[in-house]
C-alpha atoms as a PDB file:
ATOM      1  CA  MET A   1       0.000   0.000   0.000  1.00  0.00           C
ATOM      2  CA  LEU A   2       2.948   2.325   0.635  1.00  0.00           C
ATOM      3  CA  VAL A   3       3.918   1.995  -3.032  1.00  0.00           C
ATOM      4  CA  ALA A   4       0.430   3.182  -4.000  1.00  0.00           C
ATOM      5  CA  TYR A   5       0.653   6.242  -1.745  1.00  0.00           C
ATOM      6  CA  VAL A   6       4.115   7.185  -3.002  1.00  0.00           C
ATOM      7  CA  SER A   7       3.125   6.613  -6.642  1.00  0.00           C
ATOM      8  CA  LEU A   8      -0.059   8.705  -6.434  1.00  0.00           C
ATOM      9  CA  LEU A   9       1.749  11.445  -4.527  1.00  0.00           C
ATOM     10  CA  SER A  10       4.457  11.473  -7.230  1.00  0.00           C
ATOM     11  CA  LEU A  11       1.730  11.638  -9.882  1.00  0.00           C
ATOM     12  CA  THR A  12       0.085  14.570  -8.111  1.00  0.00           C
ATOM     13  CA  LEU A  13       3.497  16.255  -7.898  1.00  0.00           C
ATOM     14  CA  ALA A  14       3.886  15.875 -11.673  1.00  0.00           C
ATOM     15  CA  TRP A  15       0.387  17.275 -12.274  1.00  0.00           C
ATOM     16  CA  GLY A  16       1.100  20.250 -10.027  1.00  0.00           C
ATOM     17  CA  PHE A  17       4.412  21.059 -11.685  1.00  0.00           C
ATOM     18  CA  THR A  18       2.795  21.195 -15.129  1.00  0.00           C
ATOM     19  CA  PHE A  19       0.599  24.160 -14.100  1.00  0.00           C
ATOM     20  CA  PRO A  20       3.150  26.937 -14.869  1.00  0.00           C
ATOM     21  CA  LEU A  21       4.062  25.186 -18.111  1.00  0.00           C
ATOM     22  CA  VAL A  22       0.439  24.917 -19.226  1.00  0.00           C
ATOM     23  CA  GLN A  23      -0.263  28.528 -18.272  1.00  0.00           C
ATOM     24  CA  ALA A  24       2.612  29.640 -20.480  1.00  0.00           C
ATOM     25  CA  ALA A  25       1.532  27.337 -23.326  1.00  0.00           C
ATOM     26  CA  LEU A  26      -1.986  28.807 -23.319  1.00  0.00           C
ATOM     27  CA  HIS A  27      -0.521  31.997 -24.802  1.00  0.00           C
ATOM     28  CA  SER A  28      -0.032  29.957 -27.979  1.00  0.00           C
ATOM     29  CA  ALA A  29      -3.175  27.807 -27.954  1.00  0.00           C
ATOM     30  CA  SER A  30      -6.726  28.138 -26.668  1.00  0.00           C
ATOM     31  CA  PRO A  31      -7.631  25.776 -23.785  1.00  0.00           C
ATOM     32  CA  MET A  32      -9.657  23.176 -25.675  1.00  0.00           C
ATOM     33  CA  VAL A  33      -7.186  23.127 -28.558  1.00  0.00           C
ATOM     34  CA  PHE A  34      -4.354  22.499 -26.088  1.00  0.00           C
ATOM     35  CA  ILE A  35      -6.283  19.757 -24.251  1.00  0.00           C
ATOM     36  CA  GLY A  36      -7.216  18.132 -27.566  1.00  0.00           C
ATOM     37  CA  LEU A  37      -3.584  18.117 -28.746  1.00  0.00           C
ATOM     38  CA  ARG A  38      -2.323  16.940 -25.362  1.00  0.00           C
ATOM     39  CA  PHE A  39      -4.685  13.983 -25.111  1.00  0.00           C
ATOM     40  CA  GLY A  40      -4.511  13.322 -28.849  1.00  0.00           C
ATOM     41  CA  LEU A  41      -0.758  12.837 -28.707  1.00  0.00           C
ATOM     42  CA  ALA A  42      -1.160  10.645 -25.621  1.00  0.00           C
ATOM     43  CA  ALA A  43      -3.856   8.595 -27.370  1.00  0.00           C
ATOM     44  CA  VAL A  44      -1.375   7.799 -30.159  1.00  0.00           C
ATOM     45  CA  VAL A  45       1.711   7.213 -27.999  1.00  0.00           C
ATOM     46  CA  PHE A  46       0.093   5.125 -25.251  1.00  0.00           C
ATOM     47  CA  PRO A  47      -0.972   2.123 -27.376  1.00  0.00           C
ATOM     48  CA  LEU A  48       2.428   2.093 -29.086  1.00  0.00           C
ATOM     49  CA  LEU A  49       4.080   1.626 -25.680  1.00  0.00           C
ATOM     50  CA  VAL A  50       1.799  -1.221 -24.596  1.00  0.00           C
ATOM     51  CA  TRP A  51       1.026  -2.844 -27.966  1.00  0.00           C
ATOM     52  CA  PRO A  52      -1.194  -4.803 -28.423  1.00  0.00           C
ATOM     53  CA  ARG A  53      -2.820  -4.871 -24.971  1.00  0.00           C
ATOM     54  CA  ALA A  54      -4.611  -1.520 -25.410  1.00  0.00           C
ATOM     55  CA  PHE A  55      -6.822  -3.026 -28.121  1.00  0.00           C
ATOM     56  CA  ARG A  56      -7.939  -6.136 -26.238  1.00  0.00           C
ATOM     57  CA  LEU A  57     -11.394  -4.690 -25.700  1.00  0.00           C
ATOM     58  CA  ASN A  58     -14.906  -5.885 -24.985  1.00  0.00           C
ATOM     59  CA  HIS A  59     -18.261  -4.181 -24.487  1.00  0.00           C
ATOM     60  CA  THR A  60     -17.787  -3.846 -20.719  1.00  0.00           C
ATOM     61  CA  LEU A  61     -14.396  -2.176 -21.078  1.00  0.00           C
ATOM     62  CA  LEU A  62     -15.716   0.116 -23.801  1.00  0.00           C
ATOM     63  CA  TRP A  63     -18.555   1.540 -21.714  1.00  0.00           C
ATOM     64  CA  LYS A  64     -16.455   1.779 -18.554  1.00  0.00           C
ATOM     65  CA  GLY A  65     -13.680   3.577 -20.449  1.00  0.00           C
ATOM     66  CA  ALA A  66     -16.241   5.892 -22.025  1.00  0.00           C
ATOM     67  CA  VAL A  67     -17.745   6.779 -18.638  1.00  0.00           C
ATOM     68  CA  LEU A  68     -14.323   7.478 -17.096  1.00  0.00           C
ATOM     69  CA  GLY A  69     -13.269   9.526 -20.126  1.00  0.00           C
ATOM     70  CA  ILE A  70     -16.484  11.564 -20.112  1.00  0.00           C
ATOM     71  CA  LEU A  71     -16.079  12.345 -16.404  1.00  0.00           C
ATOM     72  CA  LEU A  72     -12.417  13.309 -16.777  1.00  0.00           C
ATOM     73  CA  GLY A  73     -12.999  15.294 -19.976  1.00  0.00           C
ATOM     74  CA  ALA A  74     -16.020  17.073 -18.544  1.00  0.00           C
ATOM     75  CA  GLY A  75     -13.963  18.000 -15.494  1.00  0.00           C
ATOM     76  CA  TYR A  76     -11.255  19.576 -17.643  1.00  0.00           C
ATOM     77  CA  ALA A  77     -13.755  21.427 -19.848  1.00  0.00           C
ATOM     78  CA  LEU A  78     -15.913  22.726 -16.972  1.00  0.00           C
ATOM     79  CA  GLN A  79     -12.847  23.861 -15.043  1.00  0.00           C
ATOM     80  CA  THR A  80     -11.439  25.669 -18.075  1.00  0.00           C
ATOM     81  CA  PHE A  81     -14.644  27.511 -18.958  1.00  0.00           C
ATOM     82  CA  GLY A  82     -15.360  28.220 -15.284  1.00  0.00           C
ATOM     83  CA  LEU A  83     -11.969  29.890 -14.849  1.00  0.00           C
ATOM     84  CA  GLY A  84     -12.944  32.383 -17.521  1.00  0.00           C
ATOM     85  CA  LEU A  85     -15.978  33.493 -15.503  1.00  0.00           C
ATOM     86  CA  THR A  86     -14.773  33.507 -11.906  1.00  0.00           C
ATOM     87  CA  THR A  87     -11.623  34.223  -9.911  1.00  0.00           C
ATOM     88  CA  ALA A  88      -8.777  31.735  -9.631  1.00  0.00           C
ATOM     89  CA  ALA A  89      -9.183  31.722  -5.838  1.00  0.00           C
ATOM     90  CA  ARG A  90     -12.854  30.817  -5.963  1.00  0.00           C
ATOM     91  CA  ALA A  91     -12.167  28.215  -8.659  1.00  0.00           C
ATOM     92  CA  GLY A  92      -9.445  26.650  -6.529  1.00  0.00           C
ATOM     93  CA  PHE A  93     -11.714  26.423  -3.501  1.00  0.00           C
ATOM     94  CA  LEU A  94     -14.661  24.995  -5.431  1.00  0.00           C
ATOM     95  CA  THR A  95     -12.488  22.427  -7.227  1.00  0.00           C
ATOM     96  CA  GLY A  96     -11.207  21.405  -3.793  1.00  0.00           C
ATOM     97  CA  THR A  97     -14.713  20.360  -2.807  1.00  0.00           C
ATOM     98  CA  LEU A  98     -13.938  17.078  -4.595  1.00  0.00           C
ATOM     99  CA  VAL A  99     -12.240  16.048  -1.313  1.00  0.00           C
ATOM    100  CA  PRO A 100     -15.472  15.781   0.725  1.00  0.00           C
ATOM    101  CA  MET A 101     -17.527  14.876  -2.358  1.00  0.00           C
ATOM    102  CA  THR A 102     -15.475  11.761  -3.143  1.00  0.00           C
ATOM    103  CA  PRO A 103     -16.159   9.746   0.033  1.00  0.00           C
ATOM    104  CA  LEU A 104     -19.770  10.965  -0.045  1.00  0.00           C
ATOM    105  CA  PHE A 105     -20.271   9.619  -3.577  1.00  0.00           C
ATOM    106  CA  ALA A 106     -18.419   6.399  -2.663  1.00  0.00           C
ATOM    107  CA  TRP A 107     -20.889   5.879   0.171  1.00  0.00           C
ATOM    108  CA  LEU A 108     -23.977   6.849  -1.842  1.00  0.00           C
ATOM    109  CA  LEU A 109     -23.094   4.747  -4.885  1.00  0.00           C
ATOM    110  CA  PHE A 110     -21.295   1.764  -3.367  1.00  0.00           C
ATOM    111  CA  ARG A 111     -21.859   2.027   0.405  1.00  0.00           C
ATOM    112  CA  GLU A 112     -18.111   2.311   0.977  1.00  0.00           C
ATOM    113  CA  ARG A 113     -17.661   2.902   4.706  1.00  0.00           C
ATOM    114  CA  ILE A 114     -16.034   6.062   6.073  1.00  0.00           C
ATOM    115  CA  ASN A 115     -14.440   5.804   9.496  1.00  0.00           C
ATOM    116  CA  ARG A 116     -13.856   8.607  11.976  1.00  0.00           C
ATOM    117  CA  ARG A 117     -10.203   9.056  11.065  1.00  0.00           C
ATOM    118  CA  GLN A 118     -11.071   9.452   7.386  1.00  0.00           C
ATOM    119  CA  ILE A 119     -13.758  12.020   8.237  1.00  0.00           C
ATOM    120  CA  ILE A 120     -11.202  14.075  10.184  1.00  0.00           C
ATOM    121  CA  ALA A 121      -8.735  13.752   7.290  1.00  0.00           C
ATOM    122  CA  VAL A 122     -11.368  15.010   4.822  1.00  0.00           C
ATOM    123  CA  VAL A 123     -12.175  17.977   7.071  1.00  0.00           C
ATOM    124  CA  LEU A 124      -8.473  18.870   7.336  1.00  0.00           C
ATOM    125  CA  ALA A 125      -7.952  18.649   3.573  1.00  0.00           C
ATOM    126  CA  PHE A 126     -11.087  20.650   2.817  1.00  0.00           C
ATOM    127  CA  ALA A 127     -10.125  23.332   5.365  1.00  0.00           C
ATOM    128  CA  GLY A 128      -6.649  23.519   3.859  1.00  0.00           C
ATOM    129  CA  THR A 129      -8.067  24.019   0.373  1.00  0.00           C
ATOM    130  CA  ALA A 130     -10.346  26.791   1.664  1.00  0.00           C
ATOM    131  CA  ILE A 131      -7.466  28.541   3.452  1.00  0.00           C
ATOM    132  CA  MET A 132      -5.223  28.343   0.387  1.00  0.00           C
ATOM    133  CA  SER A 133      -7.884  29.681  -1.942  1.00  0.00           C
ATOM    134  CA  GLU A 134      -9.092  32.590   0.202  1.00  0.00           C
ATOM    135  CA  PRO A 135     -12.397  32.743  -1.724  1.00  0.00           C
ATOM    136  CA  SER A 136     -13.883  36.200  -1.937  1.00  0.00           C
ATOM    137  CA  ALA A 137     -17.330  36.900  -0.539  1.00  0.00           C
ATOM    138  CA  GLY A 138     -20.436  36.835  -2.674  1.00  0.00           C
ATOM    139  CA  GLY A 139     -22.960  34.445  -4.136  1.00  0.00           C
ATOM    140  CA  LEU A 140     -22.321  31.843  -6.798  1.00  0.00           C
ATOM    141  CA  ASN A 141     -21.955  33.098 -10.362  1.00  0.00           C
ATOM    142  CA  LEU A 142     -21.986  31.053 -13.568  1.00  0.00           C
ATOM    143  CA  GLY A 143     -18.251  30.411 -13.373  1.00  0.00           C
ATOM    144  CA  ASP A 144     -18.627  29.147  -9.804  1.00  0.00           C
ATOM    145  CA  ALA A 145     -21.451  26.815 -10.860  1.00  0.00           C
ATOM    146  CA  LEU A 146     -19.367  25.397 -13.726  1.00  0.00           C
ATOM    147  CA  THR A 147     -16.388  24.870 -11.408  1.00  0.00           C
ATOM    148  CA  LEU A 148     -18.581  23.151  -8.831  1.00  0.00           C
ATOM    149  CA  LEU A 149     -19.809  20.782 -11.549  1.00  0.00           C
ATOM    150  CA  CYS A 150     -16.146  20.227 -12.453  1.00  0.00           C
ATOM    151  CA  ALA A 151     -15.490  19.075  -8.867  1.00  0.00           C
ATOM    152  CA  VAL A 152     -18.480  16.719  -9.068  1.00  0.00           C
ATOM    153  CA  SER A 153     -17.119  15.244 -12.308  1.00  0.00           C
ATOM    154  CA  PHE A 154     -13.597  14.754 -10.922  1.00  0.00           C
ATOM    155  CA  ALA A 155     -14.935  13.231  -7.687  1.00  0.00           C
ATOM    156  CA  LEU A 156     -17.061  10.727  -9.596  1.00  0.00           C
ATOM    157  CA  GLN A 157     -14.093   9.827 -11.791  1.00  0.00           C
ATOM    158  CA  VAL A 158     -12.007   9.088  -8.683  1.00  0.00           C
ATOM    159  CA  VAL A 159     -14.813   6.930  -7.250  1.00  0.00           C
ATOM    160  CA  TYR A 160     -15.300   4.884 -10.408  1.00  0.00           C
ATOM    161  CA  VAL A 161     -11.570   4.393 -10.941  1.00  0.00           C
ATOM    162  CA  GLY A 162     -11.455   2.908  -7.453  1.00  0.00           C
ATOM    163  CA  ARG A 163     -14.259   0.486  -8.301  1.00  0.00           C
ATOM    164  CA  TRP A 164     -13.465  -0.518 -11.890  1.00  0.00           C
ATOM    165  CA  ALA A 165      -9.700  -0.396 -12.405  1.00  0.00           C
ATOM    166  CA  LYS A 166      -7.938  -3.736 -11.938  1.00  0.00           C
ATOM    167  CA  HIS A 167      -4.560  -5.116 -12.965  1.00  0.00           C
ATOM    168  CA  GLU A 168      -6.061  -7.008 -15.901  1.00  0.00           C
ATOM    169  CA  ASN A 169      -7.846  -3.966 -17.388  1.00  0.00           C
ATOM    170  CA  GLU A 170      -5.699  -0.975 -16.392  1.00  0.00           C
ATOM    171  CA  ILE A 171      -4.068  -0.693 -19.843  1.00  0.00           C
ATOM    172  CA  GLN A 172      -7.349  -0.768 -21.761  1.00  0.00           C
ATOM    173  CA  LEU A 173      -9.164   1.636 -19.418  1.00  0.00           C
ATOM    174  CA  SER A 174      -6.214   4.042 -19.519  1.00  0.00           C
ATOM    175  CA  TRP A 175      -6.211   4.229 -23.306  1.00  0.00           C
ATOM    176  CA  LEU A 176      -9.998   4.424 -23.635  1.00  0.00           C
ATOM    177  CA  GLN A 177     -10.108   7.232 -21.089  1.00  0.00           C
ATOM    178  CA  ILE A 178      -7.389   9.222 -22.866  1.00  0.00           C
ATOM    179  CA  ALA A 179      -9.079   8.751 -26.245  1.00  0.00           C
ATOM    180  CA  ALA A 180     -12.457   9.820 -24.859  1.00  0.00           C
ATOM    181  CA  VAL A 181     -11.005  13.066 -23.452  1.00  0.00           C
ATOM    182  CA  MET A 182      -9.413  13.772 -26.844  1.00  0.00           C
ATOM    183  CA  LEU A 183     -12.772  13.375 -28.575  1.00  0.00           C
ATOM    184  CA  LEU A 184     -14.590  15.537 -25.989  1.00  0.00           C
ATOM    185  CA  ALA A 185     -12.004  18.294 -26.327  1.00  0.00           C
ATOM    186  CA  GLY A 186     -12.432  18.214 -30.091  1.00  0.00           C
ATOM    187  CA  LEU A 187     -16.203  18.566 -29.749  1.00  0.00           C
ATOM    188  CA  ALA A 188     -15.766  21.475 -27.304  1.00  0.00           C
ATOM    189  CA  ILE A 189     -13.435  23.509 -29.544  1.00  0.00           C
ATOM    190  CA  PRO A 190     -16.336  25.275 -31.337  1.00  0.00           C
ATOM    191  CA  LEU A 191     -17.530  26.556 -27.929  1.00  0.00           C
ATOM    192  CA  GLU A 192     -14.431  28.746 -27.598  1.00  0.00           C
ATOM    193  CA  ALA A 193     -12.493  31.057 -29.893  1.00  0.00           C
ATOM    194  CA  PRO A 194      -9.946  28.493 -31.144  1.00  0.00           C
ATOM    195  CA  ARG A 195      -6.394  29.618 -31.768  1.00  0.00           C
ATOM    196  CA  LEU A 196      -3.091  27.836 -32.315  1.00  0.00           C
ATOM    197  CA  THR A 197       0.379  29.216 -32.906  1.00  0.00           C
ATOM    198  CA  PHE A 198       3.169  26.663 -32.777  1.00  0.00           C
ATOM    199  CA  SER A 199       6.193  27.668 -30.711  1.00  0.00           C
ATOM    200  CA  PRO A 200       9.059  25.841 -28.951  1.00  0.00           C
ATOM    201  CA  LEU A 201       7.365  26.443 -25.595  1.00  0.00           C
ATOM    202  CA  LEU A 202       4.060  25.005 -26.812  1.00  0.00           C
ATOM    203  CA  LEU A 203       5.774  21.931 -28.248  1.00  0.00           C
ATOM    204  CA  ALA A 204       7.688  21.405 -24.995  1.00  0.00           C
ATOM    205  CA  ALA A 205       4.489  21.758 -22.974  1.00  0.00           C
ATOM    206  CA  LEU A 206       2.669  19.267 -25.201  1.00  0.00           C
ATOM    207  CA  LEU A 207       5.461  16.700 -24.957  1.00  0.00           C
ATOM    208  CA  ILE A 208       5.773  16.962 -21.170  1.00  0.00           C
ATOM    209  CA  THR A 209       2.061  17.030 -20.374  1.00  0.00           C
ATOM    210  CA  SER A 210       1.074  14.348 -22.883  1.00  0.00           C
ATOM    211  CA  LEU A 211       3.884  11.893 -22.117  1.00  0.00           C
ATOM    212  CA  LEU A 212       4.405  12.456 -18.383  1.00  0.00           C
ATOM    213  CA  ALA A 213       1.180  13.872 -16.921  1.00  0.00           C
ATOM    214  CA  THR A 214      -1.219  12.057 -19.277  1.00  0.00           C
ATOM    215  CA  THR A 215       0.268   8.875 -20.776  1.00  0.00           C
ATOM    216  CA  LEU A 216       2.113   7.866 -17.608  1.00  0.00           C
ATOM    217  CA  GLY A 217      -0.221   9.726 -15.253  1.00  0.00           C
ATOM    218  CA  VAL A 218      -3.520   8.134 -16.301  1.00  0.00           C
ATOM    219  CA  TRP A 219      -1.957   4.666 -16.240  1.00  0.00           C
ATOM    220  CA  ALA A 220      -0.511   5.275 -12.757  1.00  0.00           C
ATOM    221  CA  GLN A 221      -3.930   6.349 -11.494  1.00  0.00           C
ATOM    222  CA  MET A 222      -5.535   3.214 -12.944  1.00  0.00           C
ATOM    223  CA  ARG A 223      -2.865   0.962 -11.438  1.00  0.00           C
ATOM    224  CA  TYR A 224      -2.377   2.383  -7.955  1.00  0.00           C
ATOM    225  CA  GLN A 225      -5.540   4.205  -6.879  1.00  0.00           C
ATOM    226  CA  PRO A 226      -7.628   1.017  -6.443  1.00  0.00           C
ATOM    227  CA  ARG A 227      -5.089  -0.173  -3.848  1.00  0.00           C
ATOM    228  CA  ILE A 228      -6.179   2.512  -1.359  1.00  0.00           C
ATOM    229  CA  SER A 229      -9.527   3.978  -0.289  1.00  0.00           C
ATOM    230  CA  THR A 230     -11.208   6.590  -2.453  1.00  0.00           C
ATOM    231  CA  THR A 231     -11.080   8.994   0.511  1.00  0.00           C
ATOM    232  CA  ALA A 232      -7.298   8.637   0.762  1.00  0.00           C
ATOM    233  CA  ALA A 233      -6.942   9.119  -2.997  1.00  0.00           C
ATOM    234  CA  ALA A 234      -9.021  12.318  -2.951  1.00  0.00           C
ATOM    235  CA  ILE A 235      -6.879  13.756  -0.153  1.00  0.00           C
ATOM    236  CA  ILE A 236      -3.679  12.939  -2.049  1.00  0.00           C
ATOM    237  CA  TYR A 237      -5.087  14.661  -5.147  1.00  0.00           C
ATOM    238  CA  ALA A 238      -5.825  17.706  -2.971  1.00  0.00           C
ATOM    239  CA  MET A 239      -2.041  18.179  -2.858  1.00  0.00           C
ATOM    240  CA  GLU A 240      -2.101  19.229  -6.536  1.00  0.00           C
ATOM    241  CA  PRO A 241      -2.596  22.966  -5.829  1.00  0.00           C
ATOM    242  CA  VAL A 242       0.119  22.718  -3.170  1.00  0.00           C
ATOM    243  CA  PHE A 243       2.582  21.363  -5.717  1.00  0.00           C
ATOM    244  CA  ALA A 244       1.356  23.891  -8.295  1.00  0.00           C
ATOM    245  CA  GLY A 245       2.212  26.669  -5.845  1.00  0.00           C
ATOM    246  CA  LEU A 246       5.597  25.090  -5.188  1.00  0.00           C
ATOM    247  CA  ALA A 247       6.242  24.900  -8.923  1.00  0.00           C
ATOM    248  CA  SER A 248       5.315  28.564  -9.371  1.00  0.00           C
ATOM    249  CA  TRP A 249       7.727  29.406  -6.563  1.00  0.00           C
ATOM    250  CA  ILE A 250      10.610  27.417  -8.069  1.00  0.00           C
ATOM    251  CA  ILE A 251      10.012  28.175 -11.753  1.00  0.00           C
ATOM    252  CA  LEU A 252       8.437  31.638 -11.703  1.00  0.00           C
ATOM    253  CA  GLY A 253       9.773  32.981  -8.414  1.00  0.00           C
ATOM    254  CA  ALA A 254       6.233  33.467  -7.038  1.00  0.00           C
ATOM    255  CA  VAL A 255       6.791  33.211  -3.280  1.00  0.00           C
ATOM    256  CA  PRO A 256       3.820  31.500  -1.559  1.00  0.00           C
ATOM    257  CA  GLY A 257       2.006  33.508   1.085  1.00  0.00           C
ATOM    258  CA  ILE A 258       1.066  32.572   4.627  1.00  0.00           C
ATOM    259  CA  ALA A 259      -2.375  31.350   3.535  1.00  0.00           C
ATOM    260  CA  THR A 260      -0.846  29.019   0.950  1.00  0.00           C
ATOM    261  CA  LEU A 261       1.637  27.550   3.413  1.00  0.00           C
ATOM    262  CA  THR A 262      -0.994  27.175   6.151  1.00  0.00           C
ATOM    263  CA  GLY A 263      -3.467  25.514   3.805  1.00  0.00           C
ATOM    264  CA  ALA A 264      -0.760  23.195   2.501  1.00  0.00           C
ATOM    265  CA  GLY A 265      -0.024  22.159   6.074  1.00  0.00           C
ATOM    266  CA  PHE A 266      -3.677  21.270   6.691  1.00  0.00           C
ATOM    267  CA  ILE A 267      -3.873  19.212   3.481  1.00  0.00           C
ATOM    268  CA  PHE A 268      -0.620  17.421   4.238  1.00  0.00           C
ATOM    269  CA  ALA A 269      -1.845  16.599   7.762  1.00  0.00           C
ATOM    270  CA  GLY A 270      -5.052  15.176   6.303  1.00  0.00           C
ATOM    271  CA  MET A 271      -3.060  13.091   3.835  1.00  0.00           C
ATOM    272  CA  LEU A 272      -0.842  11.659   6.592  1.00  0.00           C
ATOM    273  CA  LEU A 273      -3.858  10.845   8.750  1.00  0.00           C
ATOM    274  CA  SER A 274      -5.582   9.137   5.841  1.00  0.00           C
ATOM    275  CA  ALA A 275      -2.435   7.195   4.970  1.00  0.00           C
ATOM    276  CA  SER A 276      -2.359   5.769   8.505  1.00  0.00           C
ATOM    277  CA  THR A 277      -5.906   4.427   8.100  1.00  0.00           C
ATOM    278  CA  PRO A 278      -6.237   0.827   6.850  1.00  0.00           C
ATOM    279  CA  SER A 279      -8.007   0.699   3.480  1.00  0.00           C
ATOM    280  CA  PRO A 280     -11.384  -1.025   3.558  1.00  0.00           C
ATOM    281  CA  VAL A 281     -11.948  -4.178   1.569  1.00  0.00           C
ATOM    282  CA  LYS A 282     -14.109  -3.210  -1.411  1.00  0.00           C
ATOM    283  CA  PRO A 283     -16.419  -5.797  -2.951  1.00  0.00           C
ATOM    284  CA  GLU A 284     -15.993  -6.165  -6.693  1.00  0.00           C
ATOM    285  CA  ILE A 285     -18.521  -4.164  -8.687  1.00  0.00           C
ATOM    286  CA  PRO A 286     -19.383  -5.326 -12.229  1.00  0.00           C
END
């Protein structure tokens, strides 16, 4: 189980460190164009690395991969469009609601038990996300609503990965999920003002995000997340904004403030508490 925690934490570190790179790349490409290219390249490279296992498909794998891809792709699209209509702080806080949503959905859908230690860990991680984000006052706007739906989509994806991914299907579900996000991004391009200007920075961002954060990242999630509870996985993923802030500090020289450091401490405490909790045995779900 320790390998799973270390692997998912390393994956979250990689995701976080791509944030400054993606932000810079978006000067050369609109969001959906970038996501489409990123997942499109991954959809081509991934099966070449695992040939021919990616194509050993059946009807069950096809619909499970489609569901996971739709949830992941919808999360990316909703988050991207939401960011254009609300503040980054509010978006960060609302996306962080996936931490309490994930165990709630796991219980509602599959009756996965949540013990007291996990509840405390969720509260710590959620509080840390709120402190880091410092959301401004005011009611929900359209951007907030889209971002909240993004958190719902990501939380459901985490839950279903925990139920469906197994050693014998991790390759197929990884590729199907990547391909589905590529297709969704392509369909969403007309909803924005598409633009694309190739540059060395854009090419570097595409190579790093598609090969490391997507090709390797999606497979690592499929392989290691089912080995721990969905609550623990959600708390580990809550470290992504922490690592994104660290990356901005190292790469861009953006020194994190007291709120960021305090919130990171809360999230890290929640992750440690969750990691010390034995994972429940989950009955197999068809």
